[in-house]
């Protein structure tokens, strides 16, 4: 098992433990109203929102430039950059 998998399992177990221990209803003041909700619902919704935000922020960015086009532009006047010895080694 990789370290990443172990960390995910530990966090999941801890989150599940915290959620199951907090099932009583409490009053939440949202803007101007009082809402009675289970702590479980509030904690679970915060965990889901945090996960979604983490996925959105953590995803890789798209490349801003084309490396292939840059390489082609760099060597357009010299199409034969490999020596015969290098070509023999590759083949």
C-alpha atoms as a PDB file:
ATOM      1  CA  UNK A   1       0.000   0.000   0.000  1.00  0.00           C
ATOM      2  CA  UNK A   2       1.222   3.442  -0.825  1.00  0.00           C
ATOM      3  CA  UNK A   3       1.525   6.257   1.686  1.00  0.00           C
ATOM      4  CA  UNK A   4      -1.248   8.185  -0.056  1.00  0.00           C
ATOM      5  CA  UNK A   5      -3.672   5.262   0.353  1.00  0.00           C
ATOM      6  CA  UNK A   6      -2.822   4.897   4.050  1.00  0.00           C
ATOM      7  CA  UNK A   7      -3.359   8.625   4.664  1.00  0.00           C
ATOM      8  CA  UNK A   8      -6.736   8.513   2.885  1.00  0.00           C
ATOM      9  CA  UNK A   9      -7.833   5.516   4.982  1.00  0.00           C
ATOM     10  CA  UNK A  10      -6.764   7.195   8.249  1.00  0.00           C
ATOM     11  CA  UNK A  11      -8.561  10.446   7.384  1.00  0.00           C
ATOM     12  CA  UNK A  12     -11.709   8.525   6.397  1.00  0.00           C
ATOM     13  CA  UNK A  13     -11.715   6.564   9.665  1.00  0.00           C
ATOM     14  CA  UNK A  14     -11.194   9.738  11.727  1.00  0.00           C
ATOM     15  CA  UNK A  15     -13.935  11.601   9.839  1.00  0.00           C
ATOM     16  CA  UNK A  16     -16.354   8.696  10.266  1.00  0.00           C
ATOM     17  CA  UNK A  17     -15.611   8.540  13.996  1.00  0.00           C
ATOM     18  CA  UNK A  18     -16.194  12.277  14.460  1.00  0.00           C
ATOM     19  CA  UNK A  19     -19.420  12.175  12.462  1.00  0.00           C
ATOM     20  CA  UNK A  20     -20.885   9.236  14.386  1.00  0.00           C
ATOM     21  CA  UNK A  21     -20.117  10.866  17.746  1.00  0.00           C
ATOM     22  CA  UNK A  22     -21.953  14.098  16.886  1.00  0.00           C
ATOM     23  CA  UNK A  23     -25.541  13.117  16.092  1.00  0.00           C
ATOM     24  CA  UNK A  24     -27.414  15.374  18.534  1.00  0.00           C
ATOM     25  CA  UNK A  25     -29.440  18.311  17.258  1.00  0.00           C
ATOM     26  CA  UNK A  26     -28.246  21.833  17.856  1.00  0.00           C
ATOM     27  CA  UNK A  27     -29.448  25.289  16.922  1.00  0.00           C
ATOM     28  CA  UNK A  28     -27.629  27.019  14.085  1.00  0.00           C
ATOM     29  CA  UNK A  29     -28.218  30.669  13.442  1.00  0.00           C
ATOM     30  CA  UNK A  30     -28.103  31.234   9.694  1.00  0.00           C
ATOM     31  CA  UNK A  31     -28.484  34.898   8.834  1.00  0.00           C
ATOM     32  CA  UNK A  32     -31.732  35.874  10.592  1.00  0.00           C
ATOM     33  CA  UNK A  33     -33.268  32.452  11.206  1.00  0.00           C
ATOM     34  CA  UNK A  34     -32.705  29.698  13.721  1.00  0.00           C
ATOM     35  CA  UNK A  35     -32.379  26.233  12.238  1.00  0.00           C
ATOM     36  CA  UNK A  36     -32.241  23.023  14.261  1.00  0.00           C
ATOM     37  CA  UNK A  37     -29.999  20.520  12.529  1.00  0.00           C
ATOM     38  CA  UNK A  38     -28.015  17.507  13.491  1.00  0.00           C
ATOM     39  CA  UNK A  39     -24.313  18.126  13.902  1.00  0.00           C
ATOM     40  CA  UNK A  40     -23.855  15.106  11.671  1.00  0.00           C
ATOM     41  CA  UNK A  41     -25.551  16.874   8.750  1.00  0.00           C
ATOM     42  CA  UNK A  42     -23.554  20.058   9.205  1.00  0.00           C
ATOM     43  CA  UNK A  43     -20.196  18.305   9.596  1.00  0.00           C
ATOM     44  CA  UNK A  44     -20.873  15.996   6.649  1.00  0.00           C
ATOM     45  CA  UNK A  45     -21.892  18.886   4.395  1.00  0.00           C
ATOM     46  CA  UNK A  46     -18.784  20.864   5.367  1.00  0.00           C
ATOM     47  CA  UNK A  47     -16.624  17.800   4.648  1.00  0.00           C
ATOM     48  CA  UNK A  48     -18.228  17.329   1.215  1.00  0.00           C
ATOM     49  CA  UNK A  49     -17.824  21.007   0.303  1.00  0.00           C
ATOM     50  CA  UNK A  50     -14.188  20.945   1.469  1.00  0.00           C
ATOM     51  CA  UNK A  51     -13.528  17.829  -0.625  1.00  0.00           C
ATOM     52  CA  UNK A  52     -15.070  19.386  -3.731  1.00  0.00           C
ATOM     53  CA  UNK A  53     -13.057  22.593  -3.259  1.00  0.00           C
ATOM     54  CA  UNK A  54      -9.896  20.530  -2.758  1.00  0.00           C
ATOM     55  CA  UNK A  55     -10.489  18.656  -6.009  1.00  0.00           C
ATOM     56  CA  UNK A  56     -11.143  21.881  -7.911  1.00  0.00           C
ATOM     57  CA  UNK A  57      -8.078  23.656  -6.507  1.00  0.00           C
ATOM     58  CA  UNK A  58      -5.786  20.636  -6.750  1.00  0.00           C
ATOM     59  CA  UNK A  59      -6.393  19.621 -10.344  1.00  0.00           C
ATOM     60  CA  UNK A  60      -3.562  20.227 -12.813  1.00  0.00           C
ATOM     61  CA  UNK A  61      -3.577  23.368 -14.901  1.00  0.00           C
ATOM     62  CA  UNK A  62      -3.702  23.331 -18.682  1.00  0.00           C
ATOM     63  CA  UNK A  63      -0.468  24.122 -20.503  1.00  0.00           C
ATOM     64  CA  UNK A  64      -0.222  27.763 -21.526  1.00  0.00           C
ATOM     65  CA  UNK A  65       2.026  27.083 -24.479  1.00  0.00           C
ATOM     66  CA  UNK A  66       2.739  24.288 -26.935  1.00  0.00           C
ATOM     67  CA  UNK A  67       6.181  22.815 -26.270  1.00  0.00           C
ATOM     68  CA  UNK A  68       6.132  20.935 -29.572  1.00  0.00           C
ATOM     69  CA  UNK A  69       5.589  24.116 -31.550  1.00  0.00           C
ATOM     70  CA  UNK A  70       8.380  25.810 -29.613  1.00  0.00           C
ATOM     71  CA  UNK A  71      10.746  22.926 -30.382  1.00  0.00           C
ATOM     72  CA  UNK A  72       9.766  22.950 -34.071  1.00  0.00           C
ATOM     73  CA  UNK A  73      10.302  26.715 -34.288  1.00  0.00           C
ATOM     74  CA  UNK A  74      13.683  26.391 -32.601  1.00  0.00           C
ATOM     75  CA  UNK A  75      14.943  23.778 -35.082  1.00  0.00           C
ATOM     76  CA  UNK A  76      13.115  24.748 -38.275  1.00  0.00           C
ATOM     77  CA  UNK A  77      16.322  25.913 -39.996  1.00  0.00           C
ATOM     78  CA  UNK A  78      18.250  22.831 -38.867  1.00  0.00           C
ATOM     79  CA  UNK A  79      16.004  19.795 -39.458  1.00  0.00           C
ATOM     80  CA  UNK A  80      18.880  17.301 -39.177  1.00  0.00           C
ATOM     81  CA  UNK A  81      20.071  17.779 -35.603  1.00  0.00           C
ATOM     82  CA  UNK A  82      21.122  14.173 -34.927  1.00  0.00           C
ATOM     83  CA  UNK A  83      24.516  12.896 -35.936  1.00  0.00           C
ATOM     84  CA  UNK A  84      24.832   9.633 -37.857  1.00  0.00           C
ATOM     85  CA  UNK A  85      26.199   7.956 -34.720  1.00  0.00           C
ATOM     86  CA  UNK A  86      23.146   9.070 -32.705  1.00  0.00           C
ATOM     87  CA  UNK A  87      20.785   7.879 -35.426  1.00  0.00           C
ATOM     88  CA  UNK A  88      22.484   4.444 -35.477  1.00  0.00           C
ATOM     89  CA  UNK A  89      22.224   4.217 -31.686  1.00  0.00           C
ATOM     90  CA  UNK A  90      18.491   5.026 -31.700  1.00  0.00           C
ATOM     91  CA  UNK A  91      17.685   2.554 -34.465  1.00  0.00           C
END
